Amino acid sequence: MKKNLTYNITVRLFSDEKSFGPGIAKLLHQVEQLHSLRAAAQSMNMAYSKAWTIVKNSERALGFPLLHSVTGGKNGGGAELTTEAVNMLNTYDEFCAQLQAYGDQLFVEMFL
């Protein structure tokens, strides 16, 4: 019996260490939507402390801030992506999409 083959491409970017990948990208997309790192972490069933550590490690590796946070106050706190983070996320998403499209084509040519 012939089994159906599939494949998976996962993109991780490195400087001296892992800098950016699918986890931080998903987290930033959630922050973009929910305007809060805490809410983004919660939506991913992740501890806030882990989300904060992931963001800080990525910022250190990339060399620029990813989030602009506002603490408490009358309207509550929140977070938004920095301009650099928006650019990085958009570029990462586009790179992944183009790589996936090429991978799909190559997979069909080589395996199907």
PDB file of N, CA and C in Angstrom:
ATOM      1  N   MET A   1       0.845  -1.184   0.000  1.00  0.00           N
ATOM      2  CA  MET A   1       0.000   0.000   0.000  1.00  0.00           C
ATOM      3  C   MET A   1       0.889   1.246   0.000  1.00  0.00           C
ATOM      4  N   LYS A   2       0.624   2.127  -0.917  1.00  0.00           N
ATOM      5  CA  LYS A   2       1.401   3.355  -1.035  1.00  0.00           C
ATOM      6  C   LYS A   2       0.903   4.373  -0.012  1.00  0.00           C
ATOM      7  N   LYS A   3       1.820   4.956   0.731  1.00  0.00           N
ATOM      8  CA  LYS A   3       1.480   5.975   1.726  1.00  0.00           C
ATOM      9  C   LYS A   3       1.548   7.352   1.092  1.00  0.00           C
ATOM     10  N   ASN A   4       0.660   8.245   1.518  1.00  0.00           N
ATOM     11  CA  ASN A   4       0.710   9.631   1.062  1.00  0.00           C
ATOM     12  C   ASN A   4       1.836  10.356   1.784  1.00  0.00           C
ATOM     13  N   LEU A   5       2.691  10.983   1.006  1.00  0.00           N
ATOM     14  CA  LEU A   5       3.798  11.746   1.589  1.00  0.00           C
ATOM     15  C   LEU A   5       3.421  13.216   1.718  1.00  0.00           C
ATOM     16  N   THR A   6       3.902  13.827   2.754  1.00  0.00           N
ATOM     17  CA  THR A   6       3.776  15.265   2.947  1.00  0.00           C
ATOM     18  C   THR A   6       5.138  15.781   3.390  1.00  0.00           C
ATOM     19  N   TYR A   7       5.260  17.070   3.518  1.00  0.00           N
ATOM     20  CA  TYR A   7       6.499  17.658   4.005  1.00  0.00           C
ATOM     21  C   TYR A   7       6.169  18.889   4.828  1.00  0.00           C
ATOM     22  N   ASN A   8       7.158  19.367   5.532  1.00  0.00           N
ATOM     23  CA  ASN A   8       6.982  20.542   6.375  1.00  0.00           C
ATOM     24  C   ASN A   8       8.263  21.366   6.344  1.00  0.00           C
ATOM     25  N   ILE A   9       8.116  22.647   6.120  1.00  0.00           N
ATOM     26  CA  ILE A   9       9.254  23.560   6.169  1.00  0.00           C
ATOM     27  C   ILE A   9       9.065  24.461   7.394  1.00  0.00           C
ATOM     28  N   THR A  10      10.075  24.526   8.228  1.00  0.00           N
ATOM     29  CA  THR A  10      10.064  25.431   9.370  1.00  0.00           C
ATOM     30  C   THR A  10      11.253  26.361   9.231  1.00  0.00           C
ATOM     31  N   VAL A  11      11.005  27.659   9.322  1.00  0.00           N
ATOM     32  CA  VAL A  11      12.065  28.646   9.139  1.00  0.00           C
ATOM     33  C   VAL A  11      12.459  29.235  10.488  1.00  0.00           C
ATOM     34  N   ARG A  12      13.734  29.138  10.789  1.00  0.00           N
ATOM     35  CA  ARG A  12      14.312  29.778  11.966  1.00  0.00           C
ATOM     36  C   ARG A  12      15.488  30.625  11.502  1.00  0.00           C
ATOM     37  N   LEU A  13      15.537  31.842  11.983  1.00  0.00           N
ATOM     38  CA  LEU A  13      16.612  32.759  11.618  1.00  0.00           C
ATOM     39  C   LEU A  13      17.615  32.825  12.762  1.00  0.00           C
ATOM     40  N   PHE A  14      18.896  32.909  12.412  1.00  0.00           N
ATOM     41  CA  PHE A  14      19.959  32.901  13.407  1.00  0.00           C
ATOM     42  C   PHE A  14      20.882  34.093  13.215  1.00  0.00           C
ATOM     43  N   SER A  15      21.374  34.618  14.306  1.00  0.00           N
ATOM     44  CA  SER A  15      22.526  35.532  14.291  1.00  0.00           C
ATOM     45  C   SER A  15      23.611  34.712  14.985  1.00  0.00           C
ATOM     46  N   ASP A  16      24.063  35.101  16.136  1.00  0.00           N
ATOM     47  CA  ASP A  16      24.961  34.235  16.906  1.00  0.00           C
ATOM     48  C   ASP A  16      24.163  33.120  17.589  1.00  0.00           C
ATOM     49  N   GLU A  17      22.886  33.342  17.728  1.00  0.00           N
ATOM     50  CA  GLU A  17      21.983  32.379  18.349  1.00  0.00           C
ATOM     51  C   GLU A  17      20.655  32.435  17.604  1.00  0.00           C
ATOM     52  N   LYS A  18      19.728  31.528  17.970  1.00  0.00           N
ATOM     53  CA  LYS A  18      18.411  31.569  17.331  1.00  0.00           C
ATOM     54  C   LYS A  18      17.791  32.928  17.611  1.00  0.00           C
ATOM     55  N   SER A  19      17.359  33.607  16.544  1.00  0.00           N
ATOM     56  CA  SER A  19      16.853  34.969  16.670  1.00  0.00           C
ATOM     57  C   SER A  19      15.348  35.076  16.475  1.00  0.00           C
ATOM     58  N   PHE A  20      14.814  34.312  15.538  1.00  0.00           N
ATOM     59  CA  PHE A  20      13.423  34.498  15.145  1.00  0.00           C
ATOM     60  C   PHE A  20      12.926  33.232  14.482  1.00  0.00           C
ATOM     61  N   GLY A  21      11.709  32.845  14.804  1.00  0.00           N
ATOM     62  CA  GLY A  21      11.142  31.646  14.211  1.00  0.00           C
ATOM     63  C   GLY A  21       9.638  31.642  14.348  1.00  0.00           C
ATOM     64  N   PRO A  22       9.031  30.479  14.119  1.00  0.00           N
ATOM     65  CA  PRO A  22       7.572  30.412  14.116  1.00  0.00           C
ATOM     66  C   PRO A  22       6.933  30.744  15.462  1.00  0.00           C
ATOM     67  N   GLY A  23       7.597  30.428  16.553  1.00  0.00           N
ATOM     68  CA  GLY A  23       7.027  30.706  17.875  1.00  0.00           C
ATOM     69  C   GLY A  23       6.919  32.184  18.169  1.00  0.00           C
ATOM     70  N   ILE A  24       8.009  32.919  17.991  1.00  0.00           N
ATOM     71  CA  ILE A  24       7.978  34.366  18.239  1.00  0.00           C
ATOM     72  C   ILE A  24       7.088  35.053  17.221  1.00  0.00           C
ATOM     73  N   ALA A  25       7.056  34.554  15.985  1.00  0.00           N
ATOM     74  CA  ALA A  25       6.185  35.141  14.962  1.00  0.00           C
ATOM     75  C   ALA A  25       4.720  35.009  15.383  1.00  0.00           C
ATOM     76  N   LYS A  26       4.339  33.827  15.840  1.00  0.00           N
ATOM     77  CA  LYS A  26       2.952  33.620  16.284  1.00  0.00           C
ATOM     78  C   LYS A  26       2.642  34.511  17.482  1.00  0.00           C
ATOM     79  N   LEU A  27       3.571  34.600  18.411  1.00  0.00           N
ATOM     80  CA  LEU A  27       3.372  35.436  19.591  1.00  0.00           C
ATOM     81  C   LEU A  27       3.182  36.900  19.192  1.00  0.00           C
ATOM     82  N   LEU A  28       4.008  37.388  18.281  1.00  0.00           N
ATOM     83  CA  LEU A  28       3.883  38.783  17.833  1.00  0.00           C
ATOM     84  C   LEU A  28       2.578  39.023  17.076  1.00  0.00           C
ATOM     85  N   HIS A  29       2.141  38.057  16.284  1.00  0.00           N
ATOM     86  CA  HIS A  29       0.844  38.191  15.603  1.00  0.00           C
ATOM     87  C   HIS A  29      -0.281  38.310  16.635  1.00  0.00           C
ATOM     88  N   GLN A  30      -0.176  37.538  17.710  1.00  0.00           N
ATOM     89  CA  GLN A  30      -1.189  37.597  18.760  1.00  0.00           C
ATOM     90  C   GLN A  30      -1.148  38.944  19.490  1.00  0.00           C
ATOM     91  N   VAL A  31       0.044  39.459  19.745  1.00  0.00           N
ATOM     92  CA  VAL A  31       0.161  40.782  20.378  1.00  0.00           C
ATOM     93  C   VAL A  31      -0.451  41.830  19.470  1.00  0.00           C
ATOM     94  N   GLU A  32      -0.191  41.721  18.183  1.00  0.00           N
ATOM     95  CA  GLU A  32      -0.743  42.658  17.199  1.00  0.00           C
ATOM     96  C   GLU A  32      -2.275  42.664  17.243  1.00  0.00           C
ATOM     97  N   GLN A  33      -2.840  41.488  17.409  1.00  0.00           N
ATOM     98  CA  GLN A  33      -4.293  41.353  17.425  1.00  0.00           C
ATOM     99  C   GLN A  33      -4.894  41.734  18.785  1.00  0.00           C
ATOM    100  N   LEU A  34      -4.237  41.331  19.875  1.00  0.00           N
ATOM    101  CA  LEU A  34      -4.813  41.483  21.211  1.00  0.00           C
ATOM    102  C   LEU A  34      -4.289  42.699  21.973  1.00  0.00           C
ATOM    103  N   HIS A  35      -3.222  43.325  21.475  1.00  0.00           N
ATOM    104  CA  HIS A  35      -2.627  44.523  22.083  1.00  0.00           C
ATOM    105  C   HIS A  35      -2.134  44.285  23.507  1.00  0.00           C
ATOM    106  N   SER A  36      -1.679  43.065  23.762  1.00  0.00           N
ATOM    107  CA  SER A  36      -1.197  42.723  25.097  1.00  0.00           C
ATOM    108  C   SER A  36      -0.343  41.469  25.015  1.00  0.00           C
ATOM    109  N   LEU A  37       0.840  41.528  25.616  1.00  0.00           N
ATOM    110  CA  LEU A  37       1.689  40.340  25.667  1.00  0.00           C
ATOM    111  C   LEU A  37       1.060  39.296  26.570  1.00  0.00           C
ATOM    112  N   ARG A  38       0.486  39.727  27.678  1.00  0.00           N
ATOM    113  CA  ARG A  38      -0.158  38.793  28.606  1.00  0.00           C
ATOM    114  C   ARG A  38      -1.318  38.060  27.910  1.00  0.00           C
ATOM    115  N   ALA A  39      -2.165  38.792  27.202  1.00  0.00           N
ATOM    116  CA  ALA A  39      -3.292  38.176  26.493  1.00  0.00           C
ATOM    117  C   ALA A  39      -2.792  37.265  25.369  1.00  0.00           C
ATOM    118  N   ALA A  40      -1.733  37.687  24.680  1.00  0.00           N
ATOM    119  CA  ALA A  40      -1.160  36.867  23.609  1.00  0.00           C
ATOM    120  C   ALA A  40      -0.646  35.551  24.179  1.00  0.00           C
ATOM    121  N   ALA A  41       0.068  35.620  25.286  1.00  0.00           N
ATOM    122  CA  ALA A  41       0.592  34.410  25.931  1.00  0.00           C
ATOM    123  C   ALA A  41      -0.558  33.499  26.355  1.00  0.00           C
ATOM    124  N   GLN A  42      -1.565  34.096  26.965  1.00  0.00           N
ATOM    125  CA  GLN A  42      -2.714  33.325  27.422  1.00  0.00           C
ATOM    126  C   GLN A  42      -3.414  32.638  26.248  1.00  0.00           C
ATOM    127  N   SER A  43      -3.534  33.324  25.121  1.00  0.00           N
ATOM    128  CA  SER A  43      -4.199  32.736  23.950  1.00  0.00           C
ATOM    129  C   SER A  43      -3.428  31.549  23.392  1.00  0.00           C
ATOM    130  N   MET A  44      -2.145  31.483  23.724  1.00  0.00           N
ATOM    131  CA  MET A  44      -1.297  30.389  23.257  1.00  0.00           C
ATOM    132  C   MET A  44      -1.040  29.360  24.364  1.00  0.00           C
ATOM    133  N   ASN A  45      -1.770  29.483  25.479  1.00  0.00           N
ATOM    134  CA  ASN A  45      -1.566  28.602  26.637  1.00  0.00           C
ATOM    135  C   ASN A  45      -0.119  28.624  27.107  1.00  0.00           C
ATOM    136  N   MET A  46       0.441  29.817  27.177  1.00  0.00           N
ATOM    137  CA  MET A  46       1.832  30.023  27.553  1.00  0.00           C
ATOM    138  C   MET A  46       1.878  30.931  28.776  1.00  0.00           C
ATOM    139  N   ALA A  47       2.782  30.660  29.669  1.00  0.00           N
ATOM    140  CA  ALA A  47       2.966  31.537  30.821  1.00  0.00           C
ATOM    141  C   ALA A  47       3.485  32.895  30.343  1.00  0.00           C
ATOM    142  N   TYR A  48       3.017  33.943  30.979  1.00  0.00           N
ATOM    143  CA  TYR A  48       3.472  35.293  30.635  1.00  0.00           C
ATOM    144  C   TYR A  48       4.990  35.389  30.754  1.00  0.00           C
ATOM    145  N   SER A  49       5.542  34.788  31.802  1.00  0.00           N
ATOM    146  CA  SER A  49       7.004  34.859  32.009  1.00  0.00           C
ATOM    147  C   SER A  49       7.760  34.210  30.854  1.00  0.00           C
ATOM    148  N   LYS A  50       7.225  33.134  30.301  1.00  0.00           N
ATOM    149  CA  LYS A  50       7.867  32.487  29.157  1.00  0.00           C
ATOM    150  C   LYS A  50       7.782  33.389  27.927  1.00  0.00           C
ATOM    151  N   ALA A  51       6.607  33.994  27.704  1.00  0.00           N
ATOM    152  CA  ALA A  51       6.436  34.899  26.564  1.00  0.00           C
ATOM    153  C   ALA A  51       7.397  36.074  26.680  1.00  0.00           C
ATOM    154  N   TRP A  52       7.499  36.632  27.863  1.00  0.00           N
ATOM    155  CA  TRP A  52       8.395  37.765  28.099  1.00  0.00           C
ATOM    156  C   TRP A  52       9.837  37.356  27.813  1.00  0.00           C
ATOM    157  N   THR A  53      10.234  36.173  28.266  1.00  0.00           N
ATOM    158  CA  THR A  53      11.605  35.673  28.036  1.00  0.00           C
ATOM    159  C   THR A  53      11.858  35.463  26.543  1.00  0.00           C
ATOM    160  N   ILE A  54      10.895  34.907  25.833  1.00  0.00           N
ATOM    161  CA  ILE A  54      11.041  34.690  24.393  1.00  0.00           C
ATOM    162  C   ILE A  54      11.254  36.015  23.673  1.00  0.00           C
ATOM    163  N   VAL A  55      10.444  37.014  24.016  1.00  0.00           N
ATOM    164  CA  VAL A  55      10.564  38.339  23.390  1.00  0.00           C
ATOM    165  C   VAL A  55      11.924  38.941  23.705  1.00  0.00           C
ATOM    166  N   LYS A  56      12.328  38.919  24.973  1.00  0.00           N
ATOM    167  CA  LYS A  56      13.605  39.528  25.366  1.00  0.00           C
ATOM    168  C   LYS A  56      14.788  38.825  24.706  1.00  0.00           C
ATOM    169  N   ASN A  57      14.758  37.502  24.618  1.00  0.00           N
ATOM    170  CA  ASN A  57      15.843  36.759  23.960  1.00  0.00           C
ATOM    171  C   ASN A  57      15.918  37.109  22.475  1.00  0.00           C
ATOM    172  N   SER A  58      14.775  37.219  21.837  1.00  0.00           N
ATOM    173  CA  SER A  58      14.745  37.574  20.425  1.00  0.00           C
ATOM    174  C   SER A  58      15.245  39.002  20.213  1.00  0.00           C
ATOM    175  N   GLU A  59      14.817  39.924  21.071  1.00  0.00           N
ATOM    176  CA  GLU A  59      15.289  41.314  20.976  1.00  0.00           C
ATOM    177  C   GLU A  59      16.809  41.385  21.111  1.00  0.00           C
ATOM    178  N   ARG A  60      17.348  40.636  22.070  1.00  0.00           N
ATOM    179  CA  ARG A  60      18.796  40.639  22.284  1.00  0.00           C
ATOM    180  C   ARG A  60      19.531  40.100  21.053  1.00  0.00           C
ATOM    181  N   ALA A  61      19.017  39.011  20.487  1.00  0.00           N
ATOM    182  CA  ALA A  61      19.652  38.383  19.329  1.00  0.00           C
ATOM    183  C   ALA A  61      19.532  39.252  18.075  1.00  0.00           C
ATOM    184  N   LEU A  62      18.398  39.943  17.922  1.00  0.00           N
ATOM    185  CA  LEU A  62      18.180  40.772  16.737  1.00  0.00           C
ATOM    186  C   LEU A  62      18.828  42.151  16.848  1.00  0.00           C
ATOM    187  N   GLY A  63      18.922  42.661  18.066  1.00  0.00           N
ATOM    188  CA  GLY A  63      19.535  43.967  18.268  1.00  0.00           C
ATOM    189  C   GLY A  63      18.559  45.133  18.188  1.00  0.00           C
ATOM    190  N   PHE A  64      17.253  44.849  18.291  1.00  0.00           N
ATOM    191  CA  PHE A  64      16.269  45.931  18.317  1.00  0.00           C
ATOM    192  C   PHE A  64      15.037  45.471  19.105  1.00  0.00           C
ATOM    193  N   PRO A  65      14.282  46.439  19.656  1.00  0.00           N
ATOM    194  CA  PRO A  65      13.095  46.088  20.431  1.00  0.00           C
ATOM    195  C   PRO A  65      11.956  45.615  19.530  1.00  0.00           C
ATOM    196  N   LEU A  66      11.177  44.692  20.050  1.00  0.00           N
ATOM    197  CA  LEU A  66      10.032  44.165  19.312  1.00  0.00           C
ATOM    198  C   LEU A  66       8.712  44.754  19.804  1.00  0.00           C
ATOM    199  N   LEU A  67       8.668  45.104  21.082  1.00  0.00           N
ATOM    200  CA  LEU A  67       7.433  45.603  21.675  1.00  0.00           C
ATOM    201  C   LEU A  67       7.627  46.946  22.340  1.00  0.00           C
ATOM    202  N   HIS A  68       6.586  47.749  22.262  1.00  0.00           N
ATOM    203  CA  HIS A  68       6.488  48.982  23.032  1.00  0.00           C
ATOM    204  C   HIS A  68       5.356  48.728  24.014  1.00  0.00           C
ATOM    205  N   SER A  69       5.679  48.725  25.310  1.00  0.00           N
ATOM    206  CA  SER A  69       4.687  48.408  26.329  1.00  0.00           C
ATOM    207  C   SER A  69       4.259  49.646  27.084  1.00  0.00           C
ATOM    208  N   VAL A  70       2.991  49.653  27.464  1.00  0.00           N
ATOM    209  CA  VAL A  70       2.433  50.705  28.306  1.00  0.00           C
ATOM    210  C   VAL A  70       1.915  50.020  29.554  1.00  0.00           C
ATOM    211  N   THR A  71       2.341  50.483  30.724  1.00  0.00           N
ATOM    212  CA  THR A  71       1.926  49.847  31.971  1.00  0.00           C
ATOM    213  C   THR A  71       0.714  50.534  32.568  1.00  0.00           C
ATOM    214  N   GLY A  72      -0.185  49.710  33.081  1.00  0.00           N
ATOM    215  CA  GLY A  72      -1.354  50.142  33.855  1.00  0.00           C
ATOM    216  C   GLY A  72      -1.995  51.447  33.451  1.00  0.00           C
ATOM    217  N   GLY A  73      -2.418  52.191  34.465  1.00  0.00           N
ATOM    218  CA  GLY A  73      -3.019  53.490  34.221  1.00  0.00           C
ATOM    219  C   GLY A  73      -4.520  53.422  34.031  1.00  0.00           C
ATOM    220  N   LYS A  74      -5.098  54.549  33.700  1.00  0.00           N
ATOM    221  CA  LYS A  74      -6.550  54.699  33.558  1.00  0.00           C
ATOM    222  C   LYS A  74      -7.145  53.724  32.545  1.00  0.00           C
ATOM    223  N   ASN A  75      -6.502  53.579  31.416  1.00  0.00           N
ATOM    224  CA  ASN A  75      -7.008  52.705  30.356  1.00  0.00           C
ATOM    225  C   ASN A  75      -6.368  51.324  30.368  1.00  0.00           C
ATOM    226  N   GLY A  76      -5.656  50.997  31.422  1.00  0.00           N
ATOM    227  CA  GLY A  76      -4.982  49.707  31.512  1.00  0.00           C
ATOM    228  C   GLY A  76      -3.704  49.705  30.691  1.00  0.00           C
ATOM    229  N   GLY A  77      -2.957  48.627  30.800  1.00  0.00           N
ATOM    230  CA  GLY A  77      -1.703  48.514  30.067  1.00  0.00           C
ATOM    231  C   GLY A  77      -1.922  47.931  28.690  1.00  0.00           C
ATOM    232  N   GLY A  78      -0.829  47.636  28.039  1.00  0.00           N
ATOM    233  CA  GLY A  78      -0.918  47.031  26.722  1.00  0.00           C
ATOM    234  C   GLY A  78       0.431  47.000  26.056  1.00  0.00           C
ATOM    235  N   ALA A  79       0.438  46.481  24.869  1.00  0.00           N
ATOM    236  CA  ALA A  79       1.674  46.388  24.095  1.00  0.00           C
ATOM    237  C   ALA A  79       1.339  46.530  22.621  1.00  0.00           C
ATOM    238  N   GLU A  80       2.281  47.095  21.904  1.00  0.00           N
ATOM    239  CA  GLU A  80       2.170  47.171  20.451  1.00  0.00           C
ATOM    240  C   GLU A  80       3.523  46.855  19.855  1.00  0.00           C
ATOM    241  N   LEU A  81       3.519  46.399  18.614  1.00  0.00           N
ATOM    242  CA  LEU A  81       4.762  46.077  17.934  1.00  0.00           C
ATOM    243  C   LEU A  81       5.487  47.356  17.552  1.00  0.00           C
ATOM    244  N   THR A  82       6.799  47.325  17.661  1.00  0.00           N
ATOM    245  CA  THR A  82       7.598  48.440  17.175  1.00  0.00           C
ATOM    246  C   THR A  82       7.614  48.403  15.656  1.00  0.00           C
ATOM    247  N   THR A  83       8.031  49.488  15.046  1.00  0.00           N
ATOM    248  CA  THR A  83       8.146  49.534  13.589  1.00  0.00           C
ATOM    249  C   THR A  83       9.086  48.438  13.100  1.00  0.00           C
ATOM    250  N   GLU A  84      10.192  48.235  13.814  1.00  0.00           N
ATOM    251  CA  GLU A  84      11.151  47.184  13.438  1.00  0.00           C
ATOM    252  C   GLU A  84      10.508  45.807  13.512  1.00  0.00           C
ATOM    253  N   ALA A  85       9.681  45.586  14.532  1.00  0.00           N
ATOM    254  CA  ALA A  85       9.013  44.292  14.685  1.00  0.00           C
ATOM    255  C   ALA A  85       8.012  44.058  13.557  1.00  0.00           C
ATOM    256  N   VAL A  86       7.256  45.090  13.192  1.00  0.00           N
ATOM    257  CA  VAL A  86       6.299  44.969  12.088  1.00  0.00           C
ATOM    258  C   VAL A  86       7.041  44.612  10.803  1.00  0.00           C
ATOM    259  N   ASN A  87       8.142  45.312  10.540  1.00  0.00           N
ATOM    260  CA  ASN A  87       8.937  45.029   9.337  1.00  0.00           C
ATOM    261  C   ASN A  87       9.496  43.617   9.367  1.00  0.00           C
ATOM    262  N   MET A  88      10.028  43.205  10.508  1.00  0.00           N
ATOM    263  CA  MET A  88      10.606  41.870  10.646  1.00  0.00           C
ATOM    264  C   MET A  88       9.527  40.805  10.441  1.00  0.00           C
ATOM    265  N   LEU A  89       8.380  40.985  11.070  1.00  0.00           N
ATOM    266  CA  LEU A  89       7.293  40.018  10.976  1.00  0.00           C
ATOM    267  C   LEU A  89       6.767  39.919   9.547  1.00  0.00           C
ATOM    268  N   ASN A  90       6.576  41.050   8.892  1.00  0.00           N
ATOM    269  CA  ASN A  90       6.102  41.046   7.503  1.00  0.00           C
ATOM    270  C   ASN A  90       7.106  40.367   6.574  1.00  0.00           C
ATOM    271  N   THR A  91       8.377  40.680   6.750  1.00  0.00           N
ATOM    272  CA  THR A  91       9.421  40.078   5.916  1.00  0.00           C
ATOM    273  C   THR A  91       9.522  38.581   6.173  1.00  0.00           C
ATOM    274  N   TYR A  92       9.463  38.188   7.435  1.00  0.00           N
ATOM    275  CA  TYR A  92       9.511  36.766   7.795  1.00  0.00           C
ATOM    276  C   TYR A  92       8.327  36.023   7.173  1.00  0.00           C
ATOM    277  N   ASP A  93       7.130  36.585   7.310  1.00  0.00           N
ATOM    278  CA  ASP A  93       5.938  35.945   6.746  1.00  0.00           C
ATOM    279  C   ASP A  93       6.046  35.806   5.228  1.00  0.00           C
ATOM    280  N   GLU A  94       6.525  36.846   4.564  1.00  0.00           N
ATOM    281  CA  GLU A  94       6.671  36.804   3.101  1.00  0.00           C
ATOM    282  C   GLU A  94       7.734  35.780   2.694  1.00  0.00           C
ATOM    283  N   PHE A  95       8.847  35.744   3.405  1.00  0.00           N
ATOM    284  CA  PHE A  95       9.900  34.766   3.135  1.00  0.00           C
ATOM    285  C   PHE A  95       9.350  33.345   3.280  1.00  0.00           C
ATOM    286  N   CYS A  96       8.617  33.095   4.371  1.00  0.00           N
ATOM    287  CA  CYS A  96       8.037  31.772   4.602  1.00  0.00           C
ATOM    288  C   CYS A  96       7.044  31.406   3.501  1.00  0.00           C
ATOM    289  N   ALA A  97       6.222  32.358   3.085  1.00  0.00           N
ATOM    290  CA  ALA A  97       5.231  32.100   2.042  1.00  0.00           C
ATOM    291  C   ALA A  97       5.904  31.754   0.716  1.00  0.00           C
ATOM    292  N   GLN A  98       6.938  32.509   0.361  1.00  0.00           N
ATOM    293  CA  GLN A  98       7.630  32.233  -0.902  1.00  0.00           C
ATOM    294  C   GLN A  98       8.376  30.902  -0.835  1.00  0.00           C
ATOM    295  N   LEU A  99       8.990  30.627   0.306  1.00  0.00           N
ATOM    296  CA  LEU A  99       9.701  29.363   0.475  1.00  0.00           C
ATOM    297  C   LEU A  99       8.721  28.191   0.420  1.00  0.00           C
ATOM    298  N   GLN A 100       7.554  28.352   1.025  1.00  0.00           N
ATOM    299  CA  GLN A 100       6.519  27.307   0.991  1.00  0.00           C
ATOM    300  C   GLN A 100       6.036  27.075  -0.432  1.00  0.00           C
ATOM    301  N   ALA A 101       5.809  28.146  -1.182  1.00  0.00           N
ATOM    302  CA  ALA A 101       5.355  28.012  -2.564  1.00  0.00           C
ATOM    303  C   ALA A 101       6.387  27.266  -3.407  1.00  0.00           C
ATOM    304  N   TYR A 102       7.651  27.611  -3.248  1.00  0.00           N
ATOM    305  CA  TYR A 102       8.695  26.914  -3.988  1.00  0.00           C
ATOM    306  C   TYR A 102       8.791  25.464  -3.523  1.00  0.00           C
ATOM    307  N   GLY A 103       8.695  25.249  -2.221  1.00  0.00           N
ATOM    308  CA  GLY A 103       8.735  23.887  -1.686  1.00  0.00           C
ATOM    309  C   GLY A 103       7.601  23.038  -2.215  1.00  0.00           C
ATOM    310  N   ASP A 104       6.402  23.619  -2.303  1.00  0.00           N
ATOM    311  CA  ASP A 104       5.255  22.884  -2.847  1.00  0.00           C
ATOM    312  C   ASP A 104       5.520  22.446  -4.276  1.00  0.00           C
ATOM    313  N   GLN A 105       6.036  23.356  -5.070  1.00  0.00           N
ATOM    314  CA  GLN A 105       6.336  23.051  -6.466  1.00  0.00           C
ATOM    315  C   GLN A 105       7.403  21.969  -6.559  1.00  0.00           C
ATOM    316  N   LEU A 106       8.470  22.112  -5.821  1.00  0.00           N
ATOM    317  CA  LEU A 106       9.560  21.139  -5.847  1.00  0.00           C
ATOM    318  C   LEU A 106       9.107  19.778  -5.334  1.00  0.00           C
ATOM    319  N   PHE A 107       8.281  19.770  -4.300  1.00  0.00           N
ATOM    320  CA  PHE A 107       7.769  18.515  -3.759  1.00  0.00           C
ATOM    321  C   PHE A 107       6.977  17.744  -4.811  1.00  0.00           C
ATOM    322  N   VAL A 108       6.105  18.453  -5.525  1.00  0.00           N
ATOM    323  CA  VAL A 108       5.314  17.815  -6.571  1.00  0.00           C
ATOM    324  C   VAL A 108       6.244  17.240  -7.657  1.00  0.00           C
ATOM    325  N   GLU A 109       7.224  18.017  -8.070  1.00  0.00           N
ATOM    326  CA  GLU A 109       8.152  17.576  -9.118  1.00  0.00           C
ATOM    327  C   GLU A 109       8.944  16.343  -8.685  1.00  0.00           C
ATOM    328  N   MET A 110       9.333  16.281  -7.439  1.00  0.00           N
ATOM    329  CA  MET A 110      10.248  15.233  -7.001  1.00  0.00           C
ATOM    330  C   MET A 110       9.567  14.004  -6.381  1.00  0.00           C
ATOM    331  N   PHE A 111       8.403  14.181  -5.800  1.00  0.00           N
ATOM    332  CA  PHE A 111       7.795  13.072  -5.067  1.00  0.00           C
ATOM    333  C   PHE A 111       6.447  12.609  -5.591  1.00  0.00           C
ATOM    334  N   LEU A 112       5.795  13.420  -6.402  1.00  0.00           N
ATOM    335  CA  LEU A 112       4.443  13.013  -6.846  1.00  0.00           C
ATOM    336  C   LEU A 112       4.404  12.740  -8.333  1.00  0.00           C
TER     337      LEU A 112
END
